[in-house]
Amino acid sequence: MEFVDTVIQGRVATVTFSRPPVNALTRQALEEIATAFESLADQRVSVAVFRTGGEKAFIAGADLKEIDTQRELSPAEAVDDGALARRSLEAVAHCAVPVVVAVDGSAVGGGLSFVALSDIVIASERARFGAVEINVGLLGASAHLRRMVGEKRARELYFTGRIVDAAEMAGYGGITHLVPHDELDATVVRVADELATKSPLALRLAKQAMDRTEGSPVHEAYRLEQDYTNRLLRLDDSTEARLAFLERRVPQWQWR
């Protein structure tokens, strides 16, 4: 792929999107991001790290030049021209394994949406966040913004297009780890490596369970989670987890 590179080391997959100078999103970029995260379902990995190249921005939203470029639409695009963007975002949101996103620079527009749909957000003090679409004649994804800041603050930020710094976003609860710029990489590695020690199949089932129970009433959510627990109990790796704990040793996962 031209803009996306995936490197797998051990059980950690690092997906890097780089489209200088500000990693603006085009249709090709969205297609490549979707393909990269969808492909992880068939890889023996436990966690995905999502990061971008360059120092100016994490992702600076949609490429406005492409939006205003006339092109012939396929029949599917003519009916639903937003399908590709949704596919790309959902590939991250419903990635088979937990996604740790490393944010350095501006995450605005579509960049904010990718951050909001990741599982763990590690941001440097230089990160900036904003749903800025209203400033350029567009509308963004307020539903994604709500995941990071809550209803009332989301409305204020969505209507104004205001950009907030990392410290303010952390205060709203939208960042898991806020770190100095020079500690970003080390923190990402530490968090990803910790996740990679867990049962890879348990992580995948846990991710599915959390995705499926999000927004559900607590009793319905817990009932579904019990079903996932029973699925996990039938796996050899579930037994191995308990034996390793009792024997005080490192578990040996068999992926079955």
Protein backbone atom coordinates (compact mmCIF):
# COMPACT_ATOMS: atom_id res chain seq x y z
CA MET A 1 0.00 0.00 0.00
CA GLU A 2 1.13 3.55 -0.66
CA PHE A 3 0.21 5.30 2.59
CA VAL A 4 -0.15 2.53 5.18
CA ASP A 5 2.50 0.17 6.49
CA THR A 6 1.89 -2.73 8.88
CA VAL A 7 4.74 -4.27 10.87
CA ILE A 8 4.23 -7.27 13.17
CA GLN A 9 6.71 -7.93 15.96
CA GLY A 10 5.80 -10.72 18.33
CA ARG A 11 2.11 -10.30 19.05
CA VAL A 12 2.04 -6.54 18.40
CA ALA A 13 0.97 -5.15 15.02
CA THR A 14 1.93 -1.53 14.33
CA VAL A 15 -0.14 0.17 11.63
CA THR A 16 1.42 3.43 10.46
CA PHE A 17 -0.41 5.87 8.20
CA SER A 18 1.85 8.46 6.55
CA ARG A 19 0.72 10.98 3.97
CA PRO A 20 2.82 14.14 4.33
CA PRO A 21 2.62 16.88 5.25
CA VAL A 22 -0.41 16.53 7.58
CA ASN A 23 -1.78 13.02 6.91
CA ALA A 24 -4.96 14.31 5.33
CA LEU A 25 -7.47 11.61 4.44
CA THR A 26 -8.26 10.72 0.84
CA ARG A 27 -10.39 7.87 -0.45
CA GLN A 28 -7.26 5.83 -1.10
CA ALA A 29 -5.99 6.51 2.42
CA LEU A 30 -9.32 5.43 3.93
CA GLU A 31 -9.29 2.26 1.82
CA GLU A 32 -5.76 1.38 2.95
CA ILE A 33 -6.48 2.02 6.65
CA ALA A 34 -9.59 -0.16 6.43
CA THR A 35 -7.71 -2.97 4.70
CA ALA A 36 -4.87 -2.90 7.21
CA PHE A 37 -7.08 -3.19 10.29
CA GLU A 38 -9.45 -5.72 8.73
CA SER A 39 -6.50 -7.96 7.88
CA LEU A 40 -5.51 -8.29 11.53
CA ALA A 41 -8.40 -10.68 12.15
CA ASP A 42 -6.36 -13.37 10.37
CA GLN A 43 -3.02 -12.53 12.01
CA ARG A 44 -1.66 -14.07 15.22
CA VAL A 45 -1.48 -10.76 17.03
CA SER A 46 -2.89 -9.63 20.38
CA VAL A 47 -2.85 -5.85 20.04
CA ALA A 48 -2.64 -3.19 17.32
CA VAL A 49 -0.84 0.12 17.60
CA PHE A 50 -2.18 2.88 15.35
CA ARG A 51 0.21 5.74 14.68
CA THR A 52 1.04 8.22 11.93
CA GLY A 53 4.18 9.57 10.34
CA GLY A 54 5.55 13.09 10.54
CA GLU A 55 5.42 15.64 13.33
CA LYS A 56 2.85 18.19 12.13
CA ALA A 57 -0.33 16.23 12.72
CA PHE A 58 -1.74 12.89 13.74
CA ILE A 59 -4.47 13.16 11.09
CA ALA A 60 -5.66 16.56 9.89
CA GLY A 61 -9.07 15.43 8.68
CA ALA A 62 -10.26 15.05 5.13
CA ASP A 63 -8.24 16.31 2.17
CA LEU A 64 -10.33 19.35 1.23
CA LYS A 65 -8.84 19.46 -2.26
CA GLU A 66 -10.18 15.99 -3.01
CA ILE A 67 -13.63 16.92 -1.69
CA ASP A 68 -13.91 19.69 -4.27
CA THR A 69 -12.53 17.58 -7.13
CA GLN A 70 -15.11 16.48 -9.67
CA ARG A 71 -15.04 12.75 -10.33
CA GLU A 72 -17.34 10.12 -11.74
CA LEU A 73 -19.15 8.24 -9.00
CA SER A 74 -19.85 4.55 -9.11
CA PRO A 75 -23.51 3.57 -8.59
CA ALA A 76 -22.73 2.54 -5.00
CA GLU A 77 -21.00 5.88 -4.30
CA ALA A 78 -23.86 7.82 -5.81
CA VAL A 79 -26.28 6.12 -3.42
CA ASP A 80 -24.00 6.22 -0.36
CA ASP A 81 -20.80 8.23 -0.76
CA GLY A 82 -20.00 7.92 2.95
CA ALA A 83 -19.69 4.14 2.98
CA LEU A 84 -15.90 4.10 2.61
CA ALA A 85 -15.34 6.50 5.50
CA ARG A 86 -17.61 4.39 7.71
CA ARG A 87 -15.83 1.21 6.68
CA SER A 88 -12.45 2.69 7.59
CA LEU A 89 -13.61 3.95 10.97
CA GLU A 90 -15.43 0.73 11.77
CA ALA A 91 -12.34 -1.29 10.86
CA VAL A 92 -10.56 0.45 13.74
CA ALA A 93 -13.54 0.38 16.10
CA HIS A 94 -14.23 -3.31 15.51
CA CYS A 95 -10.66 -4.45 14.97
CA ALA A 96 -10.29 -8.03 16.17
CA VAL A 97 -7.80 -6.93 18.83
CA PRO A 98 -7.54 -3.88 21.11
CA VAL A 99 -6.23 -0.78 19.34
CA VAL A 100 -3.74 1.52 21.08
CA VAL A 101 -3.52 4.88 19.32
CA ALA A 102 -0.46 7.12 19.63
CA VAL A 103 -1.38 10.78 19.14
CA ASP A 104 1.23 13.45 18.47
CA GLY A 105 0.13 16.69 16.84
CA SER A 106 -3.35 17.59 15.67
CA ALA A 107 -6.14 15.01 15.58
CA VAL A 108 -8.99 16.92 13.97
CA GLY A 109 -11.98 15.99 11.86
CA GLY A 110 -11.60 12.40 10.78
CA GLY A 111 -8.44 12.18 12.88
CA LEU A 112 -10.50 12.83 16.01
CA SER A 113 -12.92 10.09 14.97
CA PHE A 114 -10.13 7.53 14.63
CA VAL A 115 -8.85 8.46 18.09
CA ALA A 116 -12.33 8.24 19.61
CA LEU A 117 -12.89 4.76 18.17
CA SER A 118 -9.59 3.34 19.42
CA ASP A 119 -9.52 1.44 22.71
CA ILE A 120 -6.60 3.12 24.48
CA VAL A 121 -5.48 6.70 23.73
CA ILE A 122 -1.88 7.66 24.46
CA ALA A 123 -1.24 11.32 23.67
CA SER A 124 1.80 13.53 23.92
CA GLU A 125 1.53 16.98 25.43
CA ARG A 126 1.74 18.36 21.86
CA ALA A 127 -1.51 16.70 20.78
CA ARG A 128 -4.52 18.80 19.80
CA PHE A 129 -8.10 17.67 19.24
CA GLY A 130 -11.08 19.17 17.47
CA ALA A 131 -14.23 18.53 15.47
CA VAL A 132 -13.49 21.39 13.08
CA GLU A 133 -15.73 20.42 10.17
CA ILE A 134 -18.21 23.25 10.72
CA ASN A 135 -15.40 25.72 9.98
CA VAL A 136 -14.95 24.36 6.44
CA GLY A 137 -18.54 23.80 5.41
CA LEU A 138 -18.84 20.21 6.57
CA LEU A 139 -20.37 18.27 9.43
CA GLY A 140 -18.36 15.76 11.40
CA ALA A 141 -19.12 12.86 13.67
CA SER A 142 -20.55 14.19 16.91
CA ALA A 143 -21.21 10.63 18.05
CA HIS A 144 -17.46 10.00 18.08
CA LEU A 145 -16.79 13.23 19.96
CA ARG A 146 -19.30 12.21 22.63
CA ARG A 147 -17.21 9.12 23.36
CA MET A 148 -14.36 11.38 24.43
CA VAL A 149 -15.96 14.32 26.23
CA GLY A 150 -19.59 13.66 27.12
CA GLU A 151 -22.81 15.19 25.81
CA LYS A 152 -22.71 18.86 26.85
CA ARG A 153 -19.04 19.47 26.10
CA ALA A 154 -19.43 17.64 22.79
CA ARG A 155 -22.16 20.03 21.75
CA GLU A 156 -20.05 23.07 22.57
CA LEU A 157 -17.01 21.74 20.71
CA TYR A 158 -19.08 20.51 17.76
CA PHE A 159 -20.94 23.79 17.25
CA THR A 160 -17.86 26.00 17.65
CA GLY A 161 -15.23 23.85 15.95
CA ARG A 162 -12.87 24.77 18.79
CA ILE A 163 -9.58 22.91 19.10
CA VAL A 164 -8.52 21.84 22.59
CA ASP A 165 -5.06 20.92 23.80
CA ALA A 166 -4.12 17.56 25.26
CA ALA A 167 -4.35 18.72 28.87
CA GLU A 168 -7.92 19.93 28.40
CA MET A 169 -8.93 16.74 26.60
CA ALA A 170 -7.41 14.66 29.39
CA GLY A 171 -9.53 16.63 31.85
CA TYR A 172 -12.65 15.55 29.96
CA GLY A 173 -11.55 11.91 30.19
CA GLY A 174 -10.81 11.52 26.49
CA ILE A 175 -7.19 10.44 26.92
CA THR A 176 -5.98 7.29 28.65
CA HIS A 177 -2.35 8.39 29.08
CA LEU A 178 -1.05 11.96 28.71
CA VAL A 179 2.75 11.94 28.52
CA PRO A 180 5.65 14.27 27.62
CA HIS A 181 6.51 14.21 23.95
CA ASP A 182 9.77 12.35 24.48
CA GLU A 183 8.00 9.60 26.46
CA LEU A 184 5.29 8.86 23.89
CA ASP A 185 7.01 5.98 22.09
CA ALA A 186 8.16 4.28 25.29
CA THR A 187 4.68 4.50 26.80
CA VAL A 188 3.08 3.04 23.68
CA VAL A 189 5.53 0.13 23.72
CA ARG A 190 4.95 -0.48 27.44
CA VAL A 191 1.16 -0.53 27.14
CA ALA A 192 1.15 -2.66 23.99
CA ASP A 193 3.62 -5.15 25.46
CA GLU A 194 1.52 -5.49 28.62
CA LEU A 195 -1.57 -6.31 26.56
CA ALA A 196 0.43 -8.78 24.48
CA THR A 197 1.10 -10.90 27.57
CA LYS A 198 -2.60 -11.68 27.95
CA SER A 199 -4.38 -14.60 26.33
CA PRO A 200 -4.75 -13.55 22.68
CA LEU A 201 -8.10 -15.31 22.33
CA ALA A 202 -9.39 -13.86 25.60
CA LEU A 203 -8.47 -10.38 24.37
CA ARG A 204 -10.43 -10.91 21.17
CA LEU A 205 -13.47 -12.16 23.01
CA ALA A 206 -13.20 -9.31 25.51
CA LYS A 207 -13.06 -6.79 22.66
CA GLN A 208 -16.17 -8.31 21.07
CA ALA A 209 -18.01 -8.33 24.38
CA MET A 210 -17.25 -4.67 25.11
CA ASP A 211 -18.23 -3.63 21.58
CA ARG A 212 -21.52 -5.52 21.73
CA THR A 213 -22.49 -4.32 25.22
CA GLU A 214 -21.65 -0.64 24.73
CA GLY A 215 -24.74 1.44 25.48
CA SER A 216 -26.79 -1.53 26.68
CA PRO A 217 -28.62 -1.58 30.02
CA VAL A 218 -26.35 -3.04 32.68
CA HIS A 219 -28.33 -6.25 33.24
CA GLU A 220 -28.56 -7.02 29.51
CA ALA A 221 -24.87 -6.24 29.09
CA TYR A 222 -23.84 -8.53 31.92
CA ARG A 223 -26.00 -11.36 30.56
CA LEU A 224 -24.21 -11.13 27.22
CA GLU A 225 -20.83 -10.99 28.95
CA GLN A 226 -21.69 -14.24 30.75
CA ASP A 227 -22.16 -15.85 27.34
CA TYR A 228 -18.69 -14.67 26.34
CA THR A 229 -17.24 -16.02 29.58
CA ASN A 230 -18.76 -19.42 28.84
CA ARG A 231 -17.28 -19.35 25.33
CA LEU A 232 -13.86 -18.58 26.79
CA LEU A 233 -14.13 -21.38 29.36
CA ARG A 234 -14.33 -23.94 26.55
CA LEU A 235 -10.87 -22.95 25.25
CA ASP A 236 -7.59 -24.60 26.29
CA ASP A 237 -6.03 -21.17 26.82
CA SER A 238 -8.61 -20.48 29.51
CA THR A 239 -7.44 -23.50 31.46
CA GLU A 240 -3.83 -22.52 30.86
CA ALA A 241 -4.47 -19.06 32.31
CA ARG A 242 -5.70 -20.54 35.60
CA LEU A 243 -2.93 -23.14 35.79
CA ALA A 244 -0.23 -20.55 35.14
CA PHE A 245 -1.71 -18.28 37.80
CA LEU A 246 -1.82 -21.04 40.42
CA GLU A 247 1.66 -22.29 39.50
CA ARG A 248 3.08 -18.77 39.42
CA ARG A 249 4.58 -19.09 35.95
CA VAL A 250 4.30 -17.40 32.57
CA PRO A 251 1.39 -18.88 30.59
CA GLN A 252 2.07 -20.63 27.29
CA TRP A 253 -0.75 -19.69 24.92
CA GLN A 254 -1.76 -22.26 22.32
CA TRP A 255 -4.37 -20.24 20.39
CA ARG A 256 -7.02 -22.87 21.01
